[in-house]
Every structure is written in C-alpha cells, then in structure tokens.
Amino acid sequence: MKPEIIRNGSKLTILSFSCPRGIVPETILDLATHAGEYLRIWLDDDLTYSLDKHANHYWQIAELQMPHQTYLNIDTGEVDEQGLSITVSEPVPIELPIIRLFDIEEGK
C-alpha cells in the first residue's frame, strides 16, 4: 500500500495510515527550505517523518526532486539617484513536483 498524499504549494500532507509499528498520524511537511535538493522522506521507528539522509530509519515513504527557488523582480515605482527603476525580488511560491511513493507494510 502506498501512503495517500496531498500536495499544496510547497506543503506535502501525508495522510494517516496504519503500519506494523502502529497508526501514523497525518503530517504536513513544508519543503520550501529544501528548494533545489533531492529529498527522501523516511518514517522512523517512533512514527515521525525524517529527511535526515544520515540516520537509520524504519521505512522510506517517498522521494522527489525539489524545484529551485525562482524570483520575480517587481518594480516599486520609485527611481534611484541615477534615474533607474528600483525593483525588489520576491520569491515565486514553489509547487511540489511529482512525488515517487513507496509501498509500505500495512498494519493489522
């Protein structure tokens, strides 16, 4: 069985499910701070999620390539002392890509 997920912008909701370790609660992970990274999401023995690639985990849940952060230059309507337009950079919200989900053992 693959876990059910909901993608909303940079947030990934992993819905609650049962596995041999118990009932895993619904969890929301905001992955925006990981822009540009290849991520693996693991379930730990205590039924929490981890992105730590150096730790031991119970089960791999998913993996994905996060898109890089992009920015939009917005004109402030002001000009500097040389008469050039002043702009500010605003981050464009990240949308999660397709996520590869892995089968997990079902609880009894």
Protein backbone atom coordinates (compact mmCIF):
# COMPACT_ATOMS: atom_id res chain seq x y z
CA MET A 1 0.00 0.00 0.00
CA LYS A 2 1.27 3.49 -0.84
CA PRO A 3 0.50 6.35 1.57
CA GLU A 4 -2.02 8.91 0.40
CA ILE A 5 -0.70 12.44 -0.05
CA ILE A 6 -1.97 15.91 -0.81
CA ARG A 7 0.29 18.49 -2.47
CA ASN A 8 -0.44 22.17 -1.79
CA GLY A 9 2.26 24.57 -2.95
CA SER A 10 5.44 23.61 -1.10
CA LYS A 11 3.50 21.68 1.55
CA LEU A 12 3.11 17.93 1.48
CA THR A 13 0.40 16.33 3.59
CA ILE A 14 0.85 12.63 4.27
CA LEU A 15 -2.47 11.24 5.43
CA SER A 16 -2.74 8.94 8.44
CA PHE A 17 -2.23 5.22 7.85
CA SER A 18 -1.62 2.01 9.75
CA CYS A 19 1.65 0.06 9.62
CA PRO A 20 3.11 -2.75 11.76
CA ARG A 21 4.55 -0.12 14.15
CA GLY A 22 1.13 1.47 14.77
CA ILE A 23 -1.03 4.31 13.49
CA VAL A 24 0.99 7.02 11.74
CA PRO A 25 -0.66 10.43 12.28
CA GLU A 26 -1.41 12.82 9.44
CA THR A 27 1.59 15.10 8.96
CA ILE A 28 2.21 18.28 6.97
CA LEU A 29 5.77 18.90 5.78
CA ASP A 30 6.70 22.31 4.36
CA LEU A 31 9.54 21.54 1.96
CA ALA A 32 10.20 25.12 0.73
CA THR A 33 13.51 25.37 2.62
CA HIS A 34 14.78 22.39 0.60
CA ALA A 35 14.49 24.09 -2.82
CA GLY A 36 16.83 22.52 -5.36
CA GLU A 37 17.51 19.40 -3.26
CA TYR A 38 16.81 15.75 -3.96
CA LEU A 39 14.75 14.61 -0.98
CA ARG A 40 13.94 11.27 0.54
CA ILE A 41 11.25 11.13 3.19
CA TRP A 42 11.52 8.36 5.76
CA LEU A 43 9.30 7.07 8.54
CA ASP A 44 11.20 6.49 11.78
CA ASP A 45 10.57 3.87 14.47
CA ASP A 46 8.69 6.47 16.56
CA LEU A 47 6.26 7.06 13.63
CA THR A 48 7.61 10.52 12.82
CA TYR A 49 8.99 11.60 9.45
CA SER A 50 12.60 12.44 8.74
CA LEU A 51 14.59 13.96 5.87
CA ASP A 52 17.93 13.09 7.52
CA LYS A 53 19.88 11.03 4.98
CA HIS A 54 22.49 10.07 7.60
CA ALA A 55 20.19 8.41 10.15
CA ASN A 56 18.73 4.91 10.35
CA HIS A 57 15.03 4.79 9.51
CA TYR A 58 12.19 2.31 9.61
CA TRP A 59 10.78 2.81 6.09
CA GLN A 60 11.28 5.05 3.06
CA ILE A 61 8.00 6.74 2.19
CA ALA A 62 8.77 8.99 -0.78
CA GLU A 63 11.38 10.77 -2.87
CA LEU A 64 11.32 13.85 -5.07
CA GLN A 65 13.48 16.46 -6.75
CA MET A 66 12.54 19.84 -5.32
CA PRO A 67 12.49 22.63 -7.90
CA HIS A 68 14.90 25.53 -7.46
CA GLN A 69 13.60 28.74 -5.93
CA THR A 70 12.86 31.37 -8.56
CA TYR A 71 12.29 35.07 -8.05
CA LEU A 72 10.21 37.75 -9.69
CA ASN A 73 11.56 41.31 -9.94
CA ILE A 74 8.83 43.78 -9.07
CA ASP A 75 9.09 47.47 -9.93
CA THR A 76 8.49 49.61 -6.83
CA GLY A 77 7.51 52.64 -8.90
CA GLU A 78 10.47 54.55 -7.44
CA VAL A 79 13.72 55.62 -9.10
CA ASP A 80 17.22 55.86 -7.68
CA GLU A 81 19.61 58.85 -7.87
CA GLN A 82 20.65 57.80 -11.41
CA GLY A 83 17.03 57.73 -12.56
CA LEU A 84 16.89 53.92 -12.76
CA SER A 85 13.82 51.99 -11.63
CA ILE A 86 14.09 50.41 -8.20
CA THR A 87 12.96 46.80 -8.08
CA VAL A 88 12.62 44.22 -5.34
CA SER A 89 12.94 40.44 -5.74
CA GLU A 90 10.05 38.38 -4.47
CA PRO A 91 10.23 34.58 -4.30
CA VAL A 92 7.79 32.73 -6.54
CA PRO A 93 5.90 30.12 -4.49
CA ILE A 94 7.28 26.63 -5.03
CA GLU A 95 4.94 23.97 -6.35
CA LEU A 96 5.81 20.39 -5.46
CA PRO A 97 6.64 18.17 -8.44
CA ILE A 98 5.53 14.58 -8.97
CA ILE A 99 6.43 12.54 -5.90
CA ARG A 100 7.52 8.92 -6.09
CA LEU A 101 5.76 6.97 -3.34
CA PHE A 102 6.89 3.62 -1.99
CA ASP A 103 4.79 0.70 -0.81
CA ILE A 104 4.63 0.31 2.95
CA GLU A 105 3.70 -2.65 5.09
CA GLU A 106 0.09 -2.50 6.15
CA GLY A 107 -0.80 -2.68 9.82
CA LYS A 108 -3.05 -5.37 11.16
